[in-house]
């Protein structure tokens, strides 16, 4: 199984570090976020990893080469000329990920101990096109699920924006963990092109294809999106 780590973002919430560095190389207890996510995959036998780059891309490439991929085979998907967000970045990396098998994606700035083997078993049991980790933590943006944890919509609590793919009563709000399993056929189904978020892809496909959330509330999880999040991450991830 292959994996992709999204590391191309501008990291605007992580200034001043990102004025001179990519967020993926921010340190947590002596290891970069990128290294931690590459090593997180290894116990599950996932050592073939694609990393997309844009912001200070050469620093990520140099770090990967200097550290020999931290023990994994790392390929670079270069978005130096234009950052494509998660959906566009995934589509650009299509040729690096396609081998007829499901694959996993992660966000470089999320740290978690979600059990990927359990997520994969859930994905297989549900016969999903896409399955991703969710928890009941507080956030500003939620995915909406029915009683079977099938994806039905999305809601922004700050703006009031709501996007419904499957209209049902009593939808529950759950937060996205950014660990995702995709079936290889996803590349033939993504309707968007150019620069776009995977959220757009999920919502455009949810009514017609099985997309499920795997709840793992209680596991360690930190969105290291802001500098103050590093201290929280350092308490949980030694």
C-alpha atoms as a PDB file:
ATOM      1  CA  UNK A   1       0.000   0.000   0.000  1.00  0.00           C
ATOM      2  CA  UNK A   2       1.198   3.494  -0.873  1.00  0.00           C
ATOM      3  CA  UNK A   3       0.568   6.749   0.970  1.00  0.00           C
ATOM      4  CA  UNK A   4       0.594  10.460   0.177  1.00  0.00           C
ATOM      5  CA  UNK A   5       1.449  13.184   2.682  1.00  0.00           C
ATOM      6  CA  UNK A   6       0.166  16.661   1.858  1.00  0.00           C
ATOM      7  CA  UNK A   7       3.021  19.051   2.627  1.00  0.00           C
ATOM      8  CA  UNK A   8       2.582  21.796   0.018  1.00  0.00           C
ATOM      9  CA  UNK A   9       0.539  24.318   2.001  1.00  0.00           C
ATOM     10  CA  UNK A  10       1.623  27.893   2.661  1.00  0.00           C
ATOM     11  CA  UNK A  11       1.149  27.524   6.409  1.00  0.00           C
ATOM     12  CA  UNK A  12      -0.183  31.034   6.881  1.00  0.00           C
ATOM     13  CA  UNK A  13      -1.466  30.190  10.394  1.00  0.00           C
ATOM     14  CA  UNK A  14       2.004  29.019  11.391  1.00  0.00           C
ATOM     15  CA  UNK A  15       3.891  32.280  10.969  1.00  0.00           C
ATOM     16  CA  UNK A  16       6.609  33.372  11.679  1.00  0.00           C
ATOM     17  CA  UNK A  17       8.118  29.893  11.097  1.00  0.00           C
ATOM     18  CA  UNK A  18       6.595  29.697   7.615  1.00  0.00           C
ATOM     19  CA  UNK A  19       8.139  33.012   6.566  1.00  0.00           C
ATOM     20  CA  UNK A  20      11.367  31.066   6.086  1.00  0.00           C
ATOM     21  CA  UNK A  21      10.425  27.376   6.236  1.00  0.00           C
ATOM     22  CA  UNK A  22       7.688  24.950   5.147  1.00  0.00           C
ATOM     23  CA  UNK A  23       5.321  23.986   7.958  1.00  0.00           C
ATOM     24  CA  UNK A  24       6.029  20.300   7.326  1.00  0.00           C
ATOM     25  CA  UNK A  25       9.533  20.805   8.737  1.00  0.00           C
ATOM     26  CA  UNK A  26       8.341  22.392  11.999  1.00  0.00           C
ATOM     27  CA  UNK A  27       9.774  20.432  14.923  1.00  0.00           C
ATOM     28  CA  UNK A  28       7.941  18.496  17.625  1.00  0.00           C
ATOM     29  CA  UNK A  29      10.304  17.069  20.245  1.00  0.00           C
ATOM     30  CA  UNK A  30      13.232  17.041  17.845  1.00  0.00           C
ATOM     31  CA  UNK A  31      11.429  15.518  14.867  1.00  0.00           C
ATOM     32  CA  UNK A  32       9.747  17.347  12.017  1.00  0.00           C
ATOM     33  CA  UNK A  33       6.051  16.899  11.335  1.00  0.00           C
ATOM     34  CA  UNK A  34       6.978  15.264   8.037  1.00  0.00           C
ATOM     35  CA  UNK A  35       9.356  12.781   9.666  1.00  0.00           C
ATOM     36  CA  UNK A  36       6.762  11.915  12.289  1.00  0.00           C
ATOM     37  CA  UNK A  37       4.115  11.168   9.663  1.00  0.00           C
ATOM     38  CA  UNK A  38       6.493   9.084   7.546  1.00  0.00           C
ATOM     39  CA  UNK A  39       7.467   7.084  10.641  1.00  0.00           C
ATOM     40  CA  UNK A  40       3.807   6.817  11.703  1.00  0.00           C
ATOM     41  CA  UNK A  41       3.095   4.864   8.498  1.00  0.00           C
ATOM     42  CA  UNK A  42       5.992   2.425   8.819  1.00  0.00           C
ATOM     43  CA  UNK A  43       4.595   0.040  11.474  1.00  0.00           C
ATOM     44  CA  UNK A  44       1.677  -0.603   9.101  1.00  0.00           C
ATOM     45  CA  UNK A  45       4.061  -1.664   6.348  1.00  0.00           C
ATOM     46  CA  UNK A  46       3.544   1.565   4.407  1.00  0.00           C
ATOM     47  CA  UNK A  47       6.989   2.639   3.265  1.00  0.00           C
ATOM     48  CA  UNK A  48       6.252   3.868  -0.274  1.00  0.00           C
ATOM     49  CA  UNK A  49       5.312   7.502   0.232  1.00  0.00           C
ATOM     50  CA  UNK A  50       4.529  10.461  -2.031  1.00  0.00           C
ATOM     51  CA  UNK A  51       5.046  13.968  -0.621  1.00  0.00           C
ATOM     52  CA  UNK A  52       3.748  17.018  -2.456  1.00  0.00           C
ATOM     53  CA  UNK A  53       5.734  20.244  -2.148  1.00  0.00           C
ATOM     54  CA  UNK A  54       5.272  23.934  -2.952  1.00  0.00           C
ATOM     55  CA  UNK A  55       6.179  26.385  -0.161  1.00  0.00           C
ATOM     56  CA  UNK A  56       9.993  26.269   0.304  1.00  0.00           C
ATOM     57  CA  UNK A  57       9.882  23.032  -1.644  1.00  0.00           C
ATOM     58  CA  UNK A  58      13.659  22.757  -1.866  1.00  0.00           C
ATOM     59  CA  UNK A  59      13.927  22.532   1.939  1.00  0.00           C
ATOM     60  CA  UNK A  60      11.624  19.511   2.020  1.00  0.00           C
ATOM     61  CA  UNK A  61      13.439  17.840  -0.874  1.00  0.00           C
ATOM     62  CA  UNK A  62      16.801  18.445   0.822  1.00  0.00           C
ATOM     63  CA  UNK A  63      15.524  17.069   4.154  1.00  0.00           C
ATOM     64  CA  UNK A  64      14.132  13.930   2.515  1.00  0.00           C
ATOM     65  CA  UNK A  65      17.379  13.318   0.624  1.00  0.00           C
ATOM     66  CA  UNK A  66      19.662  14.081   3.593  1.00  0.00           C
ATOM     67  CA  UNK A  67      17.723  11.680   5.821  1.00  0.00           C
ATOM     68  CA  UNK A  68      17.252   8.998   3.149  1.00  0.00           C
ATOM     69  CA  UNK A  69      13.497   9.325   3.498  1.00  0.00           C
ATOM     70  CA  UNK A  70      13.725   8.421   7.204  1.00  0.00           C
ATOM     71  CA  UNK A  71      13.743   4.791   6.148  1.00  0.00           C
ATOM     72  CA  UNK A  72      10.972   4.981   3.544  1.00  0.00           C
ATOM     73  CA  UNK A  73      10.988   5.326  -0.222  1.00  0.00           C
ATOM     74  CA  UNK A  74       9.821   8.910  -0.745  1.00  0.00           C
ATOM     75  CA  UNK A  75       8.809  10.382  -4.091  1.00  0.00           C
ATOM     76  CA  UNK A  76       8.179  14.091  -4.593  1.00  0.00           C
ATOM     77  CA  UNK A  77       5.132  15.509  -6.374  1.00  0.00           C
ATOM     78  CA  UNK A  78       6.345  18.978  -7.321  1.00  0.00           C
ATOM     79  CA  UNK A  79       3.803  21.801  -7.150  1.00  0.00           C
ATOM     80  CA  UNK A  80       6.424  24.541  -7.039  1.00  0.00           C
ATOM     81  CA  UNK A  81       4.703  26.600  -9.731  1.00  0.00           C
ATOM     82  CA  UNK A  82       1.190  26.426  -8.260  1.00  0.00           C
ATOM     83  CA  UNK A  83      -0.173  25.077  -4.999  1.00  0.00           C
ATOM     84  CA  UNK A  84      -3.143  22.866  -5.854  1.00  0.00           C
ATOM     85  CA  UNK A  85      -4.684  22.223  -2.402  1.00  0.00           C
ATOM     86  CA  UNK A  86      -5.420  18.674  -1.277  1.00  0.00           C
ATOM     87  CA  UNK A  87      -7.710  17.616  -4.120  1.00  0.00           C
ATOM     88  CA  UNK A  88      -5.637  19.102  -6.905  1.00  0.00           C
ATOM     89  CA  UNK A  89      -2.507  17.784  -5.262  1.00  0.00           C
ATOM     90  CA  UNK A  90      -3.914  14.273  -5.127  1.00  0.00           C
ATOM     91  CA  UNK A  91      -4.924  14.401  -8.777  1.00  0.00           C
ATOM     92  CA  UNK A  92      -1.478  15.650  -9.807  1.00  0.00           C
ATOM     93  CA  UNK A  93       0.141  12.727  -7.977  1.00  0.00           C
ATOM     94  CA  UNK A  94      -2.084  10.189  -9.749  1.00  0.00           C
ATOM     95  CA  UNK A  95       0.739   8.510 -11.663  1.00  0.00           C
ATOM     96  CA  UNK A  96       2.812   8.107  -8.500  1.00  0.00           C
ATOM     97  CA  UNK A  97      -0.026   6.465  -6.560  1.00  0.00           C
ATOM     98  CA  UNK A  98      -1.691   4.215  -9.089  1.00  0.00           C
ATOM     99  CA  UNK A  99      -0.835   0.547  -8.659  1.00  0.00           C
ATOM    100  CA  UNK A 100      -4.325  -0.946  -8.530  1.00  0.00           C
ATOM    101  CA  UNK A 101      -4.373  -0.968  -4.727  1.00  0.00           C
ATOM    102  CA  UNK A 102      -6.062   1.256  -2.134  1.00  0.00           C
ATOM    103  CA  UNK A 103      -3.860   4.023  -0.751  1.00  0.00           C
ATOM    104  CA  UNK A 104      -3.729   6.324   2.262  1.00  0.00           C
ATOM    105  CA  UNK A 105      -3.393  10.102   2.506  1.00  0.00           C
ATOM    106  CA  UNK A 106      -2.311  12.203   5.483  1.00  0.00           C
ATOM    107  CA  UNK A 107      -1.886  15.903   6.175  1.00  0.00           C
ATOM    108  CA  UNK A 108       1.637  16.773   7.290  1.00  0.00           C
ATOM    109  CA  UNK A 109       0.364  19.105  10.007  1.00  0.00           C
ATOM    110  CA  UNK A 110      -1.836  16.517  11.743  1.00  0.00           C
ATOM    111  CA  UNK A 111      -0.411  14.092  14.273  1.00  0.00           C
ATOM    112  CA  UNK A 112      -2.452  11.122  15.462  1.00  0.00           C
ATOM    113  CA  UNK A 113      -2.095   7.546  16.651  1.00  0.00           C
ATOM    114  CA  UNK A 114      -5.193   6.344  14.808  1.00  0.00           C
ATOM    115  CA  UNK A 115      -4.735   2.644  14.032  1.00  0.00           C
ATOM    116  CA  UNK A 116      -4.498   2.502  10.249  1.00  0.00           C
ATOM    117  CA  UNK A 117      -5.066  -1.268  10.184  1.00  0.00           C
ATOM    118  CA  UNK A 118      -8.404  -0.741  11.941  1.00  0.00           C
ATOM    119  CA  UNK A 119      -9.303   2.020   9.482  1.00  0.00           C
ATOM    120  CA  UNK A 120      -8.517  -0.268   6.544  1.00  0.00           C
ATOM    121  CA  UNK A 121     -10.612  -3.093   8.007  1.00  0.00           C
ATOM    122  CA  UNK A 122     -13.494  -0.646   8.482  1.00  0.00           C
ATOM    123  CA  UNK A 123     -13.053   0.534   4.885  1.00  0.00           C
ATOM    124  CA  UNK A 124     -13.173  -3.028   3.575  1.00  0.00           C
ATOM    125  CA  UNK A 125     -16.186  -3.967   5.698  1.00  0.00           C
ATOM    126  CA  UNK A 126     -18.129  -0.944   4.477  1.00  0.00           C
ATOM    127  CA  UNK A 127     -17.021  -1.514   0.871  1.00  0.00           C
ATOM    128  CA  UNK A 128     -16.278   2.197   0.768  1.00  0.00           C
ATOM    129  CA  UNK A 129     -14.896   4.301  -2.025  1.00  0.00           C
ATOM    130  CA  UNK A 130     -13.381   6.574   0.629  1.00  0.00           C
ATOM    131  CA  UNK A 131     -13.093   6.161   4.404  1.00  0.00           C
ATOM    132  CA  UNK A 132     -11.544   8.657   6.795  1.00  0.00           C
ATOM    133  CA  UNK A 133     -10.953   9.118  10.485  1.00  0.00           C
ATOM    134  CA  UNK A 134     -13.357  11.288  12.483  1.00  0.00           C
ATOM    135  CA  UNK A 135     -13.625  12.300  16.134  1.00  0.00           C
ATOM    136  CA  UNK A 136     -16.091  14.179  18.303  1.00  0.00           C
ATOM    137  CA  UNK A 137     -13.680  17.019  19.138  1.00  0.00           C
ATOM    138  CA  UNK A 138     -14.632  20.686  18.860  1.00  0.00           C
ATOM    139  CA  UNK A 139     -13.778  22.538  15.644  1.00  0.00           C
ATOM    140  CA  UNK A 140     -15.267  25.175  13.362  1.00  0.00           C
ATOM    141  CA  UNK A 141     -15.927  22.904  10.398  1.00  0.00           C
ATOM    142  CA  UNK A 142     -17.679  19.559  10.604  1.00  0.00           C
ATOM    143  CA  UNK A 143     -18.605  16.730   8.310  1.00  0.00           C
ATOM    144  CA  UNK A 144     -22.186  15.513   8.754  1.00  0.00           C
ATOM    145  CA  UNK A 145     -23.012  11.818   9.047  1.00  0.00           C
ATOM    146  CA  UNK A 146     -26.088   9.630   9.364  1.00  0.00           C
ATOM    147  CA  UNK A 147     -26.556   6.926  12.000  1.00  0.00           C
ATOM    148  CA  UNK A 148     -24.370   4.528   9.986  1.00  0.00           C
ATOM    149  CA  UNK A 149     -21.537   7.074   9.670  1.00  0.00           C
ATOM    150  CA  UNK A 150     -22.142   7.583   5.974  1.00  0.00           C
ATOM    151  CA  UNK A 151     -21.085  11.048   4.825  1.00  0.00           C
ATOM    152  CA  UNK A 152     -24.077  13.285   4.116  1.00  0.00           C
ATOM    153  CA  UNK A 153     -22.768  16.849   4.235  1.00  0.00           C
ATOM    154  CA  UNK A 154     -20.537  19.557   5.686  1.00  0.00           C
ATOM    155  CA  UNK A 155     -21.064  22.561   7.952  1.00  0.00           C
ATOM    156  CA  UNK A 156     -19.030  25.657   8.841  1.00  0.00           C
ATOM    157  CA  UNK A 157     -20.080  26.776  12.318  1.00  0.00           C
ATOM    158  CA  UNK A 158     -18.419  30.181  11.986  1.00  0.00           C
ATOM    159  CA  UNK A 159     -20.066  31.242   8.728  1.00  0.00           C
ATOM    160  CA  UNK A 160     -23.232  29.152   8.845  1.00  0.00           C
ATOM    161  CA  UNK A 161     -22.460  27.665   5.425  1.00  0.00           C
ATOM    162  CA  UNK A 162     -23.898  24.189   4.946  1.00  0.00           C
ATOM    163  CA  UNK A 163     -23.527  21.773   2.052  1.00  0.00           C
ATOM    164  CA  UNK A 164     -25.839  18.764   2.015  1.00  0.00           C
ATOM    165  CA  UNK A 165     -25.181  15.798  -0.261  1.00  0.00           C
ATOM    166  CA  UNK A 166     -27.777  13.434   1.249  1.00  0.00           C
ATOM    167  CA  UNK A 167     -30.766  15.033   2.989  1.00  0.00           C
ATOM    168  CA  UNK A 168     -31.542  13.217   6.255  1.00  0.00           C
ATOM    169  CA  UNK A 169     -32.773  14.141   9.689  1.00  0.00           C
ATOM    170  CA  UNK A 170     -30.586  14.176  12.800  1.00  0.00           C
ATOM    171  CA  UNK A 171     -27.224  14.342  11.094  1.00  0.00           C
ATOM    172  CA  UNK A 172     -24.326  14.321  13.549  1.00  0.00           C
ATOM    173  CA  UNK A 173     -21.338  16.656  13.418  1.00  0.00           C
ATOM    174  CA  UNK A 174     -17.891  15.037  13.497  1.00  0.00           C
ATOM    175  CA  UNK A 175     -14.402  16.466  13.013  1.00  0.00           C
ATOM    176  CA  UNK A 176     -12.071  15.324  10.227  1.00  0.00           C
ATOM    177  CA  UNK A 177      -8.825  13.586  11.207  1.00  0.00           C
ATOM    178  CA  UNK A 178      -7.126  13.842   7.788  1.00  0.00           C
ATOM    179  CA  UNK A 179      -6.207  10.131   7.632  1.00  0.00           C
ATOM    180  CA  UNK A 180      -7.979   8.753   4.576  1.00  0.00           C
ATOM    181  CA  UNK A 181      -8.185   5.465   2.658  1.00  0.00           C
ATOM    182  CA  UNK A 182      -9.080   5.692  -1.030  1.00  0.00           C
ATOM    183  CA  UNK A 183      -9.975   3.000  -3.508  1.00  0.00           C
ATOM    184  CA  UNK A 184      -7.774   3.256  -6.611  1.00  0.00           C
ATOM    185  CA  UNK A 185     -10.814   3.967  -8.800  1.00  0.00           C
ATOM    186  CA  UNK A 186     -11.139   7.414  -7.221  1.00  0.00           C
ATOM    187  CA  UNK A 187      -9.040   8.964  -9.987  1.00  0.00           C
ATOM    188  CA  UNK A 188     -11.683   8.084 -12.586  1.00  0.00           C
ATOM    189  CA  UNK A 189     -14.422   9.689 -10.486  1.00  0.00           C
ATOM    190  CA  UNK A 190     -12.998  13.020  -9.305  1.00  0.00           C
ATOM    191  CA  UNK A 191     -14.998  15.680 -11.201  1.00  0.00           C
ATOM    192  CA  UNK A 192     -12.904  18.696 -10.194  1.00  0.00           C
ATOM    193  CA  UNK A 193      -9.798  19.975 -11.951  1.00  0.00           C
ATOM    194  CA  UNK A 194      -7.093  22.494 -11.113  1.00  0.00           C
ATOM    195  CA  UNK A 195      -6.910  23.844  -7.566  1.00  0.00           C
ATOM    196  CA  UNK A 196      -9.507  22.352  -5.196  1.00  0.00           C
ATOM    197  CA  UNK A 197      -9.997  20.775  -1.791  1.00  0.00           C
ATOM    198  CA  UNK A 198     -10.730  17.113  -1.158  1.00  0.00           C
ATOM    199  CA  UNK A 199     -13.779  18.355   0.758  1.00  0.00           C
ATOM    200  CA  UNK A 200     -15.267  19.369  -2.610  1.00  0.00           C
ATOM    201  CA  UNK A 201     -14.579  15.903  -3.994  1.00  0.00           C
ATOM    202  CA  UNK A 202     -16.099  14.128  -1.002  1.00  0.00           C
ATOM    203  CA  UNK A 203     -19.284  16.183  -1.170  1.00  0.00           C
ATOM    204  CA  UNK A 204     -19.677  15.846  -4.932  1.00  0.00           C
ATOM    205  CA  UNK A 205     -19.403  12.043  -4.731  1.00  0.00           C
ATOM    206  CA  UNK A 206     -21.169  11.322  -1.417  1.00  0.00           C
ATOM    207  CA  UNK A 207     -24.683  10.956  -2.837  1.00  0.00           C
ATOM    208  CA  UNK A 208     -23.607   8.373  -5.412  1.00  0.00           C
ATOM    209  CA  UNK A 209     -20.741   6.451  -3.779  1.00  0.00           C
ATOM    210  CA  UNK A 210     -20.174   5.048  -0.260  1.00  0.00           C
ATOM    211  CA  UNK A 211     -18.029   7.429   1.769  1.00  0.00           C
ATOM    212  CA  UNK A 212     -17.782   6.637   5.475  1.00  0.00           C
ATOM    213  CA  UNK A 213     -16.306   8.122   8.623  1.00  0.00           C
ATOM    214  CA  UNK A 214     -14.363   5.874  10.979  1.00  0.00           C
ATOM    215  CA  UNK A 215     -14.788   7.171  14.516  1.00  0.00           C
ATOM    216  CA  UNK A 216     -11.694   6.986  16.685  1.00  0.00           C
ATOM    217  CA  UNK A 217     -12.535   9.486  19.422  1.00  0.00           C
ATOM    218  CA  UNK A 218     -10.140   9.052  22.330  1.00  0.00           C
ATOM    219  CA  UNK A 219      -7.052   8.493  20.213  1.00  0.00           C
ATOM    220  CA  UNK A 220      -4.241  11.031  20.303  1.00  0.00           C
ATOM    221  CA  UNK A 221      -4.752  13.770  17.718  1.00  0.00           C
ATOM    222  CA  UNK A 222      -3.354  17.283  17.333  1.00  0.00           C
ATOM    223  CA  UNK A 223      -3.893  19.736  14.492  1.00  0.00           C
ATOM    224  CA  UNK A 224      -0.479  21.427  14.521  1.00  0.00           C
ATOM    225  CA  UNK A 225      -1.829  24.343  12.502  1.00  0.00           C
ATOM    226  CA  UNK A 226      -0.607  27.147  14.756  1.00  0.00           C
ATOM    227  CA  UNK A 227       2.666  27.662  16.662  1.00  0.00           C
ATOM    228  CA  UNK A 228       0.876  27.308  20.015  1.00  0.00           C
ATOM    229  CA  UNK A 229      -0.212  23.794  18.962  1.00  0.00           C
ATOM    230  CA  UNK A 230       3.402  22.585  19.131  1.00  0.00           C
ATOM    231  CA  UNK A 231       3.382  22.585  22.938  1.00  0.00           C
ATOM    232  CA  UNK A 232       0.220  20.471  22.938  1.00  0.00           C
ATOM    233  CA  UNK A 233       1.751  18.061  20.423  1.00  0.00           C
ATOM    234  CA  UNK A 234       4.945  17.752  22.464  1.00  0.00           C
ATOM    235  CA  UNK A 235       2.963  16.566  25.473  1.00  0.00           C
ATOM    236  CA  UNK A 236       1.328  13.785  23.450  1.00  0.00           C
ATOM    237  CA  UNK A 237       3.998  12.754  20.954  1.00  0.00           C
ATOM    238  CA  UNK A 238       7.367  12.085  22.548  1.00  0.00           C
END
